[in-house]
Each structure stands twice: as structure tokens, then as C-alpha cells.
């Protein structure tokens, strides 16, 4: 199997209807809020599009769209993320681990400590099995350490 086929098969494992439970902190000194939501992942040719809707800490609802694909010219995964509660377009680039279970996506965005400064972020999607996955998000602090601020646990509905 070629690398491109392996990566495309990995993405297709995401297709379906999911629910999630999330622990998310609004910043480094904020306690994590427990939130719930749902996500519909559909195939768009060689891409997948993940459309989510979920609770916000203030009682409102958020909507988000993530696109993920594999770029054979770069030899890397690429994608984007947008959400109703933010104005930044997140652009991903990443790779699948050797075991074929974990996709690590790197991006840049406004910092928690200073929103006018761009910092590095990392989203990691780990497939536990065909019906469960976990996504963690972390930012690179000034001291060089990765600081996790969000964990989402997904369960396939269908």
C-alpha cells in the first residue's frame, strides 16, 4: 500500500456521526469546563470535512468546520479549522505516526497570554478503535513546554 493510500484510509475512518465530551480551558489560569457536542464527518473526494456543534462555557452554542486531507506533493496532511466563536483561520500541516493511530497537526494562532502574538499550537487526533477517538490541543509556551488546554473524547453514533 502506498503512503497516499494509507493516509487516505486513515482519514476515511473518521467518516460518520460522533458525539463528544470535552474538557477545555479558556486560558492558562482558567479551570477546564466540561462541554458536550456532536460532529458529522463526511468524505469530500480525498478530503474529510468535520462539522461540529457543541456547548460553550457561557451557555451558548458553537459551530465549527475542520477540513483534512493528504497532500502527496508535500508528503504531509493539510487542513483548516474555523469556528463561530473565533476570527482566526487555523491552517494545519502534520503527519501520521508509524503505528497508524495518531495524527499530529501543527498550526499557529493568537496566543493565550497575548492575542496579538502568534504562537504554535498542536492538535493530536488518536484513533483508539473504529468507534472511539481522542483529540488533544496544546500550545507552545514561552518556556518551550507544550501546555495542553483541551481534550475531546469522541464516540461514534453511526
Protein backbone atom coordinates (compact mmCIF):
# COMPACT_ATOMS: atom_id res chain seq x y z
CA UNK A 1 0.00 0.00 0.00
CA UNK A 2 1.36 3.43 -0.92
CA UNK A 3 1.74 6.21 1.64
CA UNK A 4 -1.07 8.15 -0.05
CA UNK A 5 -3.43 5.14 0.21
CA UNK A 6 -2.52 4.63 3.88
CA UNK A 7 -3.22 8.28 4.72
CA UNK A 8 -6.49 8.33 2.75
CA UNK A 9 -7.70 5.18 4.52
CA UNK A 10 -6.87 6.75 7.89
CA UNK A 11 -8.96 9.83 7.06
CA UNK A 12 -11.90 7.70 5.90
CA UNK A 13 -12.01 6.05 9.34
CA UNK A 14 -13.23 9.43 10.66
CA UNK A 15 -16.34 9.45 8.43
CA UNK A 16 -19.58 9.11 10.39
CA UNK A 17 -21.67 10.64 13.17
CA UNK A 18 -19.97 11.27 16.52
CA UNK A 19 -20.73 12.68 19.96
CA UNK A 20 -18.05 14.14 22.18
CA UNK A 21 -17.28 15.18 25.72
CA UNK A 22 -14.67 17.91 26.07
CA UNK A 23 -12.60 19.37 28.89
CA UNK A 24 -11.50 22.82 27.72
CA UNK A 25 -9.80 25.75 29.45
CA UNK A 26 -10.23 29.31 28.15
CA UNK A 27 -6.64 30.12 29.10
CA UNK A 28 -3.65 29.07 31.21
CA UNK A 29 -5.15 30.28 34.51
CA UNK A 30 -8.72 29.17 33.87
CA UNK A 31 -10.32 25.95 35.12
CA UNK A 32 -11.42 23.44 32.48
CA UNK A 33 -15.10 23.44 31.55
CA UNK A 34 -16.87 20.18 30.70
CA UNK A 35 -18.71 20.54 27.39
CA UNK A 36 -20.60 18.20 25.05
CA UNK A 37 -21.45 18.21 21.38
CA UNK A 38 -21.74 16.31 18.15
CA UNK A 39 -19.82 16.07 14.91
CA UNK A 40 -20.67 14.86 11.44
CA UNK A 41 -17.66 13.83 9.35
CA UNK A 42 -18.21 13.37 5.63
CA UNK A 43 -15.98 12.48 2.73
CA UNK A 44 -15.29 15.09 0.04
CA UNK A 45 -13.20 13.21 -2.50
CA UNK A 46 -9.79 12.75 -0.91
CA UNK A 47 -10.73 15.15 1.93
CA UNK A 48 -12.85 14.78 5.02
CA UNK A 49 -14.98 17.63 6.36
CA UNK A 50 -15.81 17.60 10.08
CA UNK A 51 -18.83 19.74 11.02
CA UNK A 52 -19.28 20.17 14.75
CA UNK A 53 -21.77 21.77 17.08
CA UNK A 54 -21.45 21.99 20.83
CA UNK A 55 -21.87 23.75 24.13
CA UNK A 56 -19.96 26.87 25.13
CA UNK A 57 -18.98 27.68 28.73
CA UNK A 58 -21.30 30.73 28.67
CA UNK A 59 -24.31 28.55 27.80
CA UNK A 60 -24.29 29.34 24.09
CA UNK A 61 -23.63 27.03 21.18
CA UNK A 62 -20.62 26.92 18.88
CA UNK A 63 -20.26 25.61 15.34
CA UNK A 64 -17.02 24.52 13.72
CA UNK A 65 -15.67 23.11 10.46
CA UNK A 66 -12.41 21.22 10.06
CA UNK A 67 -11.09 20.05 6.71
CA UNK A 68 -8.36 17.40 6.48
CA UNK A 69 -6.60 15.85 3.51
CA UNK A 70 -3.27 14.40 2.48
CA UNK A 71 -1.03 16.34 0.09
CA UNK A 72 1.21 13.86 -1.76
CA UNK A 73 3.37 16.70 -3.15
CA UNK A 74 4.26 17.79 0.40
CA UNK A 75 4.12 14.30 1.85
CA UNK A 76 2.05 15.76 4.70
CA UNK A 77 -1.51 16.11 5.90
CA UNK A 78 -3.01 19.57 5.41
CA UNK A 79 -6.20 21.17 6.61
CA UNK A 80 -8.05 24.08 8.13
CA UNK A 81 -10.24 24.83 11.14
CA UNK A 82 -12.79 27.61 11.67
CA UNK A 83 -15.28 28.12 14.50
CA UNK A 84 -18.13 30.51 15.23
CA UNK A 85 -16.54 31.80 18.45
CA UNK A 86 -13.26 32.94 16.88
CA UNK A 87 -11.99 35.01 13.97
CA UNK A 88 -8.76 33.14 13.19
CA UNK A 89 -8.45 30.68 10.28
CA UNK A 90 -6.27 27.83 11.55
CA UNK A 91 -4.13 26.18 8.86
CA UNK A 92 -2.81 22.69 9.64
CA UNK A 93 0.11 20.65 8.47
CA UNK A 94 1.03 17.32 10.01
CA UNK A 95 1.86 13.66 9.86
CA UNK A 96 0.65 10.23 10.88
CA UNK A 97 2.72 8.21 13.35
CA UNK A 98 4.43 4.98 12.28
CA UNK A 99 1.78 2.88 14.04
CA UNK A 100 -1.01 4.50 12.02
CA UNK A 101 -3.11 5.55 15.02
CA UNK A 102 -2.13 9.15 15.73
CA UNK A 103 -2.24 12.25 13.51
CA UNK A 104 -0.27 15.23 14.80
CA UNK A 105 -1.28 18.59 13.30
CA UNK A 106 0.77 21.76 13.79
CA UNK A 107 -0.59 25.28 13.33
CA UNK A 108 -0.18 28.87 14.53
CA UNK A 109 -2.66 31.19 16.13
CA UNK A 110 -3.21 34.02 18.62
CA UNK A 111 -1.56 33.40 21.98
CA UNK A 112 -3.43 32.83 25.23
CA UNK A 113 -1.20 35.28 27.08
CA UNK A 114 -1.10 37.91 24.31
CA UNK A 115 -3.62 37.63 21.46
CA UNK A 116 -1.52 39.98 19.28
CA UNK A 117 1.36 37.46 19.28
CA UNK A 118 1.17 34.32 17.15
CA UNK A 119 2.21 31.10 18.88
CA UNK A 120 2.50 27.45 17.86
CA UNK A 121 -0.32 25.03 18.57
CA UNK A 122 -0.61 21.28 18.17
CA UNK A 123 -3.74 19.17 17.75
CA UNK A 124 -3.31 15.42 18.13
CA UNK A 125 -6.02 13.02 16.93
CA UNK A 126 -5.62 9.44 18.18
CA UNK A 127 -7.85 6.62 16.95
CA UNK A 128 -8.39 4.23 19.84
CA UNK A 129 -10.56 1.91 17.69
CA UNK A 130 -13.19 2.30 14.95
CA UNK A 131 -15.70 3.84 17.38
CA UNK A 132 -13.53 5.94 19.73
CA UNK A 133 -11.01 8.72 19.22
CA UNK A 134 -9.38 11.39 21.34
CA UNK A 135 -8.21 14.83 20.30
CA UNK A 136 -5.92 16.93 22.46
CA UNK A 137 -4.88 20.53 21.85
CA UNK A 138 -1.81 22.23 23.26
CA UNK A 139 0.07 25.49 22.80
CA UNK A 140 3.82 26.10 22.96
CA UNK A 141 4.54 28.31 25.97
CA UNK A 142 7.37 30.84 26.09
CA UNK A 143 9.41 28.42 28.24
CA UNK A 144 9.37 25.85 25.39
CA UNK A 145 6.90 23.43 27.01
CA UNK A 146 3.68 22.21 25.40
CA UNK A 147 0.65 23.07 27.55
CA UNK A 148 -2.50 21.08 26.95
CA UNK A 149 -5.71 23.10 27.19
CA UNK A 150 -8.31 20.81 25.63
CA UNK A 151 -9.15 17.11 25.48
CA UNK A 152 -12.13 15.80 23.49
CA UNK A 153 -13.30 12.19 23.69
CA UNK A 154 -15.38 11.12 20.67
CA UNK A 155 -17.75 8.16 20.44
CA UNK A 156 -19.21 7.01 17.12
CA UNK A 157 -23.01 7.10 16.96
CA UNK A 158 -23.09 5.60 13.44
